[in-house]
Amino acid sequence: MPLLRWLPLALITLAALWLRTHDLARRPMHADEANQAVKLGELLDHGHYAFDPRDHHGPTLYYAAVPVAWIRGERTLAQLSETTVRLVPALFGTLAVVLLALLAAPLGRWPAFAAAGLLALSPPAVYYSRYFIQETLLATFMLTVVVCAQTWWRTGLTRWAIAAGVCAGLMQATKASAPLFLITALIALGFSRWGYLSRPPATRRPRRDVVVGLLAALGSAAVLYSSFGTHISGIRDALGAYTHALTRFGAAAAPTGHEKAWWYYLRMFGWYREGGLVWHQVAFSALALAGLGVAVFRADRFLRGVAFYTVAIIAAFSFFAYKTPWHTVHFVPGLALLAAAALAEMGRLRTGRLAAAAFTLIVAATLFQQTWRTSFLRASDQRNPYAYVHSSADVMKYRALAEAAAARSPDAPIRVISEEYWPLPWYLRGMPQVGYWTSPPDDCTGALIITSPTLADVVRARLRGSHRESILGLRPGVFNLVFTPEP
């Protein structure tokens, strides 16, 4: 029965959805997540968004989150919850699993399901599908572009060229790094000599469809960057984002604290011990490496294209000194396809199906064990390789302190005086009379004063009356002093 043919993919998708949506509020908000969530709240509060190219990414994440917030009855920043904002990447991450199965169809039905399952269980894919940042959306749009482009080539229907173009535009409106993936995919397609694609229908007009697709890409990106025509200068600012990117990634870029060795990403897919805990993806990486060998030695142009794209993307991100762990999201689909190819090759051998099934179970078990540790048991542990410069559990205590202070002194301000205070604007959202300063004002007195150690002496000297002092963490190596007025 046709339905039974797709039952394994349905089960894989349900498992992926559960891993990405279960207990989304468990982990404290990272500073980057909080920043994005506050921008979403401003969009909900004011109904307007203006793109800022200075250290900010495109607007797709925020506009995608608006309907999710509405459906959940959250229409202001004060009403937003961690679960609501994280549902957006979670849903996109689940969609990516289905898209990868469609993309892997040339490998065969069961290898395609295996690729989808490996992505469903991947530690970085799961972790960052539970993270309110742009990376998972960008990876999912990339898969959508490729699937739509393949369908267009196979059917000759212009609507699929338009769909591919729209998704390419959404990629650009998600993050300025989009051209890297699109250009690499085109080179990989040329490298594979287009040989795995079936002969196109005789009635097609490819040049016209390519032009239409490009116009669709430009149009969808322009619509979002211009905030649906209400902020036209956002289109100009989108081009300006590349200037800011050069200051971060260029050869003359100033140090940012995110510089890593070239092998940083390779280590994350290997095996290493950190603080008494072992983090690894050795079995998955070994299978993907075997798939790379299959791509090299077999005359399979689809696999060669996948191999070229995957190696090129990993090499490109490894080349730049600036590295953050969420970029690993882009490596997983290609590695999963190569691993599935290795399983398919294994299945062709005598008694190979049993060996392939055994390898699949071993890899799936190790991935699930690591995913459970990274996304649930140790989600904000500083030893977790994906919990990068993560907020400490203490950030969840600030709200209760602020509410108690506001109840005692409803007319007095709550002052946050610090050079670094994210994610506090998220945790103190919706509270009246909360102010933020990066240097101490003349009068620092308030219902509650939160300050950094470097500013504490100046703040202490500008307080009136006696105060009780306490310490609360912000993230590893960063903490705040909290001054509470004594009655």
Protein backbone atom coordinates (compact mmCIF):
# COMPACT_ATOMS: atom_id res chain seq x y z
CA MET A 1 0.00 0.00 0.00
CA PRO A 2 1.30 3.52 -0.82
CA LEU A 3 0.70 4.70 2.74
CA LEU A 4 2.83 1.92 4.18
CA ARG A 5 5.69 2.91 1.87
CA TRP A 6 5.87 6.28 3.61
CA LEU A 7 5.21 5.02 7.15
CA PRO A 8 8.95 4.87 8.07
CA LEU A 9 9.42 8.50 7.00
CA ALA A 10 6.31 9.51 8.97
CA LEU A 11 7.71 7.84 12.10
CA ILE A 12 11.13 9.46 11.58
CA THR A 13 9.45 12.85 11.17
CA LEU A 14 7.41 12.40 14.34
CA ALA A 15 10.57 11.46 16.24
CA ALA A 16 12.33 14.52 14.84
CA LEU A 17 9.41 16.74 15.83
CA TRP A 18 9.35 15.38 19.38
CA LEU A 19 13.10 15.84 19.86
CA ARG A 20 12.85 19.41 18.61
CA THR A 21 9.74 20.48 20.54
CA HIS A 22 9.82 18.57 23.83
CA ASP A 23 10.26 20.83 26.87
CA LEU A 24 11.49 23.82 24.87
CA ALA A 25 11.59 26.13 27.89
CA ARG A 26 14.04 23.91 29.77
CA ARG A 27 17.20 25.77 28.76
CA PRO A 28 17.94 29.39 29.76
CA MET A 29 17.84 31.87 26.89
CA HIS A 30 21.20 32.51 25.27
CA ALA A 31 22.09 36.18 24.85
CA ASP A 32 21.70 35.90 21.04
CA GLU A 33 18.32 34.20 21.41
CA ALA A 34 17.17 36.90 23.80
CA ASN A 35 18.25 39.64 21.41
CA GLN A 36 16.30 38.02 18.57
CA ALA A 37 13.25 37.44 20.76
CA VAL A 38 13.16 41.07 21.89
CA LYS A 39 13.29 42.19 18.24
CA LEU A 40 10.36 39.87 17.54
CA GLY A 41 8.53 41.42 20.48
CA GLU A 42 9.09 44.89 19.06
CA LEU A 43 7.61 43.69 15.76
CA LEU A 44 4.56 42.37 17.63
CA ASP A 45 4.23 45.54 19.71
CA HIS A 46 4.59 48.05 16.89
CA GLY A 47 3.75 46.07 13.75
CA HIS A 48 6.89 47.38 12.07
CA TYR A 49 10.42 46.10 11.56
CA ALA A 50 13.47 47.97 10.25
CA PHE A 51 16.50 45.93 9.21
CA ASP A 52 19.76 46.94 10.88
CA PRO A 53 22.85 45.58 9.06
CA ARG A 54 25.18 46.20 12.00
CA ASP A 55 25.67 42.79 13.61
CA HIS A 56 22.11 41.71 12.89
CA HIS A 57 20.77 39.15 10.44
CA GLY A 58 17.80 39.23 8.09
CA PRO A 59 14.13 39.51 9.04
CA THR A 60 12.88 36.04 8.01
CA LEU A 61 13.12 34.62 11.53
CA TYR A 62 10.95 37.37 13.00
CA TYR A 63 8.26 37.31 10.33
CA ALA A 64 8.10 33.50 10.51
CA ALA A 65 7.58 33.73 14.28
CA VAL A 66 4.69 36.21 14.13
CA PRO A 67 1.96 33.71 13.06
CA VAL A 68 3.23 31.16 15.61
CA ALA A 69 2.94 33.79 18.35
CA TRP A 70 -0.56 34.77 17.20
CA ILE A 71 -1.73 31.16 17.12
CA ARG A 72 -0.48 30.73 20.69
CA GLY A 73 -2.27 33.92 21.77
CA GLU A 74 0.91 35.95 22.32
CA ARG A 75 0.65 39.36 20.69
CA THR A 76 3.13 41.46 22.68
CA LEU A 77 6.70 41.17 23.91
CA ALA A 78 5.44 40.80 27.46
CA GLN A 79 3.33 37.78 26.46
CA LEU A 80 6.02 35.98 24.46
CA SER A 81 7.41 32.74 25.87
CA GLU A 82 10.53 30.68 25.26
CA THR A 83 8.42 27.85 23.88
CA THR A 84 6.77 30.08 21.29
CA VAL A 85 9.93 31.58 19.86
CA ARG A 86 11.77 28.24 19.79
CA LEU A 87 8.90 26.52 18.03
CA VAL A 88 9.87 28.36 14.85
CA PRO A 89 13.31 26.76 14.30
CA ALA A 90 11.90 23.48 15.69
CA LEU A 91 9.29 23.31 12.93
CA PHE A 92 11.80 24.28 10.26
CA GLY A 93 14.25 21.69 11.58
CA THR A 94 11.56 19.01 11.31
CA LEU A 95 10.75 20.09 7.75
CA ALA A 96 14.44 19.70 6.89
CA VAL A 97 14.22 15.99 7.75
CA VAL A 98 11.45 15.46 5.18
CA LEU A 99 13.27 17.53 2.57
CA LEU A 100 16.46 15.51 3.00
CA ALA A 101 14.54 12.29 2.39
CA LEU A 102 13.23 13.77 -0.89
CA LEU A 103 16.68 14.97 -1.87
CA ALA A 104 18.19 11.54 -1.14
CA ALA A 105 15.74 9.73 -3.45
CA PRO A 106 18.48 8.86 -6.02
CA LEU A 107 20.10 6.66 -3.36
CA GLY A 108 17.00 4.49 -3.03
CA ARG A 109 14.03 4.45 -0.66
CA TRP A 110 15.67 2.93 2.42
CA PRO A 111 18.93 4.91 2.14
CA ALA A 112 16.80 8.05 1.78
CA PHE A 113 14.97 7.17 5.01
CA ALA A 114 18.33 6.48 6.66
CA ALA A 115 19.61 9.94 5.68
CA ALA A 116 16.45 11.50 7.12
CA GLY A 117 16.85 9.50 10.32
CA LEU A 118 20.46 10.55 10.77
CA LEU A 119 19.48 14.20 10.41
CA ALA A 120 16.55 13.68 12.79
CA LEU A 121 18.93 12.40 15.50
CA SER A 122 21.94 14.64 14.83
CA PRO A 123 23.10 16.46 18.01
CA PRO A 124 23.82 19.85 16.36
CA ALA A 125 20.70 19.65 14.18
CA VAL A 126 18.49 18.96 17.20
CA TYR A 127 20.21 21.43 19.51
CA TYR A 128 20.01 24.37 17.13
CA SER A 129 16.47 23.48 16.06
CA ARG A 130 15.66 24.36 19.68
CA TYR A 131 17.55 27.65 19.44
CA PHE A 132 15.94 30.93 18.35
CA ILE A 133 18.56 31.94 15.80
CA GLN A 134 18.62 31.98 11.98
CA GLU A 135 20.88 29.00 11.26
CA THR A 136 18.26 26.23 11.08
CA LEU A 137 15.99 28.32 8.86
CA LEU A 138 18.90 29.02 6.51
CA ALA A 139 19.78 25.31 6.23
CA THR A 140 16.14 24.35 5.64
CA PHE A 141 15.66 26.98 2.93
CA MET A 142 18.80 25.64 1.23
CA LEU A 143 17.35 22.14 1.13
CA THR A 144 14.08 23.57 -0.21
CA VAL A 145 15.91 25.38 -3.02
CA VAL A 146 17.61 22.17 -4.12
CA VAL A 147 14.45 20.04 -3.94
CA CYS A 148 12.41 22.62 -5.87
CA ALA A 149 15.16 23.04 -8.47
CA GLN A 150 15.34 19.27 -8.97
CA THR A 151 11.57 19.08 -9.37
CA TRP A 152 11.62 21.93 -11.87
CA TRP A 153 14.29 20.20 -13.96
CA ARG A 154 12.40 16.92 -13.89
CA THR A 155 8.93 18.32 -14.68
CA GLY A 156 9.70 21.47 -16.67
CA LEU A 157 7.02 23.34 -14.70
CA THR A 158 7.81 27.03 -14.25
CA ARG A 159 6.13 27.13 -10.85
CA TRP A 160 8.92 25.00 -9.39
CA ALA A 161 11.53 27.45 -10.73
CA ILE A 162 9.60 30.24 -9.04
CA ALA A 163 9.44 28.24 -5.79
CA ALA A 164 13.19 27.66 -5.90
CA GLY A 165 13.75 31.37 -6.52
CA VAL A 166 11.47 32.42 -3.68
CA CYS A 167 13.32 30.12 -1.28
CA ALA A 168 16.68 31.44 -2.49
CA GLY A 169 15.40 34.94 -1.72
CA LEU A 170 14.27 33.78 1.72
CA MET A 171 17.78 32.46 2.29
CA GLN A 172 19.19 35.88 1.52
CA ALA A 173 16.59 37.49 3.79
CA THR A 174 17.65 35.11 6.55
CA LYS A 175 21.40 35.63 6.61
CA ALA A 176 24.01 37.35 4.46
CA SER A 177 26.01 34.11 4.14
CA ALA A 178 23.32 32.69 1.81
CA PRO A 179 25.33 33.23 -1.43
CA LEU A 180 28.09 30.97 -0.09
CA PHE A 181 25.72 27.99 -0.05
CA LEU A 182 23.98 28.79 -3.32
CA ILE A 183 27.20 29.35 -5.28
CA THR A 184 28.79 26.23 -3.80
CA ALA A 185 25.72 24.20 -4.79
CA LEU A 186 25.95 25.46 -8.38
CA ILE A 187 29.66 24.58 -8.54
CA ALA A 188 28.90 21.14 -7.10
CA LEU A 189 26.23 20.64 -9.75
CA GLY A 190 28.74 21.50 -12.44
CA PHE A 191 31.29 19.24 -10.81
CA SER A 192 28.85 16.34 -11.04
CA ARG A 193 28.41 17.26 -14.74
CA TRP A 194 24.64 17.39 -14.31
CA GLY A 195 24.70 13.68 -15.14
CA TYR A 196 22.35 12.41 -12.45
CA LEU A 197 19.51 14.70 -13.56
CA SER A 198 16.98 13.11 -15.88
CA ARG A 199 16.49 14.49 -19.35
CA PRO A 200 14.22 17.54 -19.13
CA PRO A 201 10.85 17.69 -20.90
CA ALA A 202 11.11 18.87 -24.50
CA THR A 203 8.57 21.63 -23.91
CA ARG A 204 10.60 23.45 -21.26
CA ARG A 205 12.20 26.85 -21.67
CA PRO A 206 15.07 26.78 -19.16
CA ARG A 207 16.49 30.24 -19.83
CA ARG A 208 13.15 31.89 -19.33
CA ASP A 209 12.53 29.87 -16.15
CA VAL A 210 15.95 30.77 -14.76
CA VAL A 211 15.23 34.47 -15.29
CA VAL A 212 11.82 34.09 -13.67
CA GLY A 213 13.42 32.25 -10.73
CA LEU A 214 16.02 34.99 -10.27
CA LEU A 215 13.31 37.65 -10.29
CA ALA A 216 11.37 35.64 -7.70
CA ALA A 217 14.50 35.47 -5.53
CA LEU A 218 15.08 39.22 -5.74
CA GLY A 219 11.42 39.90 -5.12
CA SER A 220 11.05 37.75 -2.02
CA ALA A 221 14.25 39.14 -0.49
CA ALA A 222 13.21 42.72 -1.27
CA VAL A 223 9.75 42.26 0.23
CA LEU A 224 11.18 41.14 3.56
CA TYR A 225 14.12 43.55 3.75
CA SER A 226 11.76 46.44 2.96
CA SER A 227 9.35 45.24 5.66
CA PHE A 228 6.66 44.64 3.04
CA GLY A 229 7.28 48.01 1.40
CA THR A 230 7.21 50.11 4.59
CA HIS A 231 10.99 50.47 4.94
CA ILE A 232 12.48 50.72 1.44
CA SER A 233 15.93 51.69 2.73
CA GLY A 234 16.14 48.19 4.19
CA ILE A 235 16.99 46.94 0.69
CA ARG A 236 20.01 49.24 0.58
CA ASP A 237 20.97 48.21 4.12
CA ALA A 238 20.85 44.54 3.05
CA LEU A 239 23.74 45.25 0.68
CA GLY A 240 25.52 47.10 3.47
CA ALA A 241 25.48 43.92 5.55
CA TYR A 242 28.33 42.60 3.39
CA THR A 243 30.53 45.52 4.38
CA HIS A 244 30.01 44.66 8.03
CA ALA A 245 30.64 40.99 7.26
CA LEU A 246 34.02 41.85 5.75
CA THR A 247 35.04 43.62 8.94
CA ARG A 248 34.33 40.39 10.82
CA PHE A 249 35.54 37.73 8.40
CA GLY A 250 38.12 39.57 6.29
CA ALA A 251 41.86 39.11 6.56
CA ALA A 252 42.19 42.42 8.42
CA ALA A 253 39.29 41.73 10.77
CA ALA A 254 39.79 42.73 14.38
CA PRO A 255 39.78 39.92 16.97
CA THR A 256 36.30 39.16 18.29
CA GLY A 257 37.00 36.39 20.78
CA HIS A 258 35.40 33.83 18.46
CA GLU A 259 38.61 32.89 16.65
CA LYS A 260 39.23 29.14 16.56
CA ALA A 261 41.76 26.73 15.05
CA TRP A 262 41.06 25.39 11.57
CA TRP A 263 40.22 21.94 12.95
CA TYR A 264 37.55 23.25 15.38
CA TYR A 265 34.60 21.91 13.38
CA LEU A 266 36.30 18.60 12.61
CA ARG A 267 36.82 18.06 16.33
CA MET A 268 33.11 18.53 16.97
CA PHE A 269 32.40 15.59 14.66
CA GLY A 270 35.14 13.50 16.26
CA TRP A 271 35.76 12.37 19.85
CA TYR A 272 37.05 14.36 22.79
CA ARG A 273 36.72 14.68 26.55
CA GLU A 274 35.70 17.93 28.22
CA GLY A 275 35.36 18.27 31.97
CA GLY A 276 34.98 14.54 32.52
CA LEU A 277 32.32 14.14 29.82
CA VAL A 278 32.87 12.54 26.42
CA TRP A 279 31.43 14.24 23.36
CA HIS A 280 31.57 12.37 20.08
CA GLN A 281 30.07 11.66 16.68
CA VAL A 282 32.73 9.15 15.65
CA ALA A 283 30.39 6.45 14.30
CA PHE A 284 28.42 8.96 12.23
CA SER A 285 31.56 10.62 10.88
CA ALA A 286 33.16 7.26 10.03
CA LEU A 287 30.08 6.28 8.06
CA ALA A 288 30.07 9.62 6.26
CA LEU A 289 33.78 9.21 5.47
CA ALA A 290 33.02 5.78 3.99
CA GLY A 291 30.31 7.45 1.91
CA LEU A 292 32.89 9.96 0.69
CA GLY A 293 34.98 7.03 -0.48
CA VAL A 294 31.97 5.60 -2.30
CA ALA A 295 31.46 8.96 -4.02
CA VAL A 296 35.08 9.05 -5.16
CA PHE A 297 35.36 5.50 -6.45
CA ARG A 298 31.89 4.92 -7.86
CA ALA A 299 30.70 6.59 -11.06
CA ASP A 300 27.77 8.19 -9.24
CA ARG A 301 27.51 11.83 -10.20
CA PHE A 302 24.82 12.61 -7.63
CA LEU A 303 27.11 11.44 -4.84
CA ARG A 304 30.07 13.30 -6.30
CA GLY A 305 28.04 16.51 -6.27
CA VAL A 306 27.00 15.89 -2.65
CA ALA A 307 30.59 15.10 -1.66
CA PHE A 308 31.97 18.21 -3.36
CA TYR A 309 29.36 20.47 -1.75
CA THR A 310 29.84 19.00 1.74
CA VAL A 311 33.64 19.13 1.66
CA ALA A 312 33.62 22.65 0.18
CA ILE A 313 31.24 24.01 2.85
CA ILE A 314 33.22 22.45 5.69
CA ALA A 315 36.46 23.76 4.20
CA ALA A 316 35.04 27.26 3.73
CA PHE A 317 33.88 27.57 7.33
CA SER A 318 37.12 26.01 8.60
CA PHE A 319 39.15 28.56 6.62
CA PHE A 320 37.74 31.59 8.42
CA ALA A 321 39.18 32.21 11.88
CA TYR A 322 35.76 33.36 13.13
CA LYS A 323 33.91 30.19 14.17
CA THR A 324 30.77 29.44 16.15
CA PRO A 325 29.31 25.95 16.70
CA TRP A 326 25.91 26.65 15.13
CA HIS A 327 27.55 26.64 11.69
CA THR A 328 27.79 22.85 12.04
CA VAL A 329 24.07 22.72 11.18
CA HIS A 330 25.06 23.20 7.54
CA PHE A 331 27.41 20.21 7.53
CA VAL A 332 24.91 17.63 8.76
CA PRO A 333 22.66 17.18 5.68
CA GLY A 334 25.60 16.47 3.37
CA LEU A 335 27.25 14.17 5.90
CA ALA A 336 23.94 12.34 6.39
CA LEU A 337 23.62 11.82 2.63
CA LEU A 338 27.16 10.43 2.43
CA ALA A 339 26.54 8.15 5.42
CA ALA A 340 23.35 6.88 3.77
CA ALA A 341 25.33 6.21 0.58
CA ALA A 342 27.76 4.08 2.58
CA LEU A 343 24.84 2.10 3.98
CA ALA A 344 23.41 1.64 0.49
CA GLU A 345 26.77 0.38 -0.77
CA MET A 346 27.03 -1.97 2.18
CA GLY A 347 23.58 -3.33 1.40
CA ARG A 348 24.72 -4.38 -2.06
CA LEU A 349 27.23 -6.84 -0.62
CA ARG A 350 26.45 -10.44 0.21
CA THR A 351 24.73 -10.51 3.62
CA GLY A 352 25.30 -6.78 3.50
CA ARG A 353 21.77 -5.81 4.46
CA LEU A 354 22.23 -7.27 7.91
CA ALA A 355 25.51 -5.39 8.34
CA ALA A 356 23.92 -2.17 7.08
CA ALA A 357 21.05 -2.57 9.54
CA ALA A 358 23.52 -3.18 12.38
CA PHE A 359 25.60 -0.12 11.47
CA THR A 360 22.45 1.98 11.23
CA LEU A 361 21.37 0.96 14.73
CA ILE A 362 24.83 1.63 16.18
CA VAL A 363 25.09 5.09 14.62
CA ALA A 364 21.49 5.96 15.56
CA ALA A 365 22.08 4.86 19.16
CA THR A 366 25.24 6.95 19.54
CA LEU A 367 23.61 10.00 17.98
CA PHE A 368 20.57 9.70 20.23
CA GLN A 369 22.75 9.33 23.33
CA GLN A 370 24.70 12.47 22.44
CA THR A 371 21.56 14.36 21.45
CA TRP A 372 19.88 13.51 24.74
CA ARG A 373 22.92 14.75 26.64
CA THR A 374 23.43 17.95 24.64
CA SER A 375 19.79 19.03 24.26
CA PHE A 376 18.24 17.82 27.52
CA LEU A 377 20.59 16.60 30.28
CA ARG A 378 23.36 19.21 29.78
CA ALA A 379 21.63 21.79 27.60
CA SER A 380 23.30 24.82 29.21
CA ASP A 381 26.39 23.14 30.67
CA GLN A 382 29.52 25.07 29.68
CA ARG A 383 31.17 21.72 28.84
CA ASN A 384 28.52 21.15 26.17
CA PRO A 385 30.20 22.01 22.83
CA TYR A 386 26.94 23.46 21.48
CA ALA A 387 26.13 25.57 24.56
CA TYR A 388 28.48 28.27 23.37
CA VAL A 389 29.10 31.16 25.84
CA HIS A 390 25.75 30.17 27.24
CA SER A 391 23.69 31.94 29.89
CA SER A 392 23.90 30.42 33.35
CA ALA A 393 20.87 29.11 35.21
CA ASP A 394 21.07 32.23 37.40
CA VAL A 395 19.48 34.34 34.66
CA MET A 396 16.13 32.78 35.55
CA LYS A 397 16.37 34.32 39.05
CA TYR A 398 16.55 37.95 37.96
CA ARG A 399 12.84 38.16 37.17
CA ALA A 400 11.74 37.08 40.65
CA LEU A 401 14.13 39.57 42.26
CA ALA A 402 12.89 42.39 40.03
CA GLU A 403 9.23 41.58 40.68
CA ALA A 404 9.81 41.52 44.45
CA ALA A 405 11.66 44.84 44.25
CA ALA A 406 8.88 46.42 42.16
CA ALA A 407 6.30 45.23 44.67
CA ARG A 408 8.21 46.87 47.54
CA SER A 409 8.89 50.15 45.69
CA PRO A 410 6.49 50.45 42.73
CA ASP A 411 7.53 54.02 41.91
CA ALA A 412 11.29 53.43 41.95
CA PRO A 413 13.20 52.35 38.84
CA ILE A 414 14.99 49.07 38.35
CA ARG A 415 18.44 49.87 37.03
CA VAL A 416 20.68 47.56 35.00
CA ILE A 417 24.09 49.24 34.82
CA SER A 418 26.52 47.06 32.89
CA GLU A 419 28.58 46.89 29.71
CA GLU A 420 27.02 43.47 29.02
CA TYR A 421 23.51 42.71 30.14
CA TRP A 422 21.94 40.31 27.63
CA PRO A 423 19.78 38.22 28.08
CA LEU A 424 18.31 40.35 30.89
CA PRO A 425 16.05 42.46 28.60
CA TRP A 426 14.25 39.22 27.76
CA TYR A 427 13.82 38.12 31.36
CA LEU A 428 12.74 41.59 32.50
CA ARG A 429 10.39 42.10 29.52
CA GLY A 430 7.07 43.75 30.21
CA MET A 431 8.15 45.18 33.57
CA PRO A 432 7.64 48.93 34.04
CA GLN A 433 10.45 51.30 34.92
CA VAL A 434 13.33 49.05 33.90
CA GLY A 435 16.27 50.98 32.48
CA TYR A 436 19.62 50.01 31.00
CA TRP A 437 22.88 51.96 31.24
CA THR A 438 26.36 51.06 29.99
CA SER A 439 27.92 53.60 32.37
CA PRO A 440 26.68 54.69 35.81
CA PRO A 441 24.25 57.66 35.91
CA ASP A 442 24.69 60.40 38.51
CA ASP A 443 22.02 58.84 40.71
CA CYS A 444 22.13 55.05 40.82
CA THR A 445 19.49 54.55 43.49
CA GLY A 446 16.48 52.42 42.62
CA ALA A 447 14.25 49.57 43.69
CA LEU A 448 16.92 47.14 42.46
CA ILE A 449 20.34 47.83 40.98
CA ILE A 450 22.14 45.25 38.86
CA THR A 451 25.69 46.09 37.83
CA SER A 452 28.90 44.55 36.56
CA PRO A 453 31.97 44.17 38.84
CA THR A 454 33.93 46.75 36.83
CA LEU A 455 31.31 49.43 37.53
CA ALA A 456 30.39 48.31 41.05
CA ASP A 457 32.63 50.75 42.93
CA VAL A 458 31.26 53.78 41.06
CA VAL A 459 27.68 52.55 41.46
CA ARG A 460 28.20 51.87 45.17
CA ALA A 461 29.48 55.42 45.69
CA ARG A 462 26.40 56.90 43.98
CA LEU A 463 23.81 54.98 46.00
CA ARG A 464 21.79 56.61 48.76
CA GLY A 465 21.07 54.61 51.88
CA SER A 466 22.20 51.11 52.80
CA HIS A 467 21.95 48.19 50.41
CA ARG A 468 22.35 44.45 50.64
CA GLU A 469 24.77 43.03 48.08
CA SER A 470 24.53 39.66 46.34
CA ILE A 471 26.03 38.00 43.27
CA LEU A 472 24.22 36.40 40.33
CA GLY A 473 25.78 34.79 37.29
CA LEU A 474 25.18 35.81 33.70
CA ARG A 475 27.30 33.33 31.73
CA PRO A 476 30.60 31.50 32.29
CA GLY A 477 33.12 33.92 33.77
CA VAL A 478 30.62 36.82 33.80
CA PHE A 479 28.53 37.77 36.84
CA ASN A 480 26.66 40.76 38.24
CA LEU A 481 26.43 42.42 41.61
CA VAL A 482 22.86 43.03 42.78
CA PHE A 483 22.15 45.90 45.20
CA THR A 484 18.87 45.60 47.11
CA PRO A 485 17.81 48.57 49.30
CA GLU A 486 17.43 47.70 52.94
CA PRO A 487 14.31 48.97 54.73
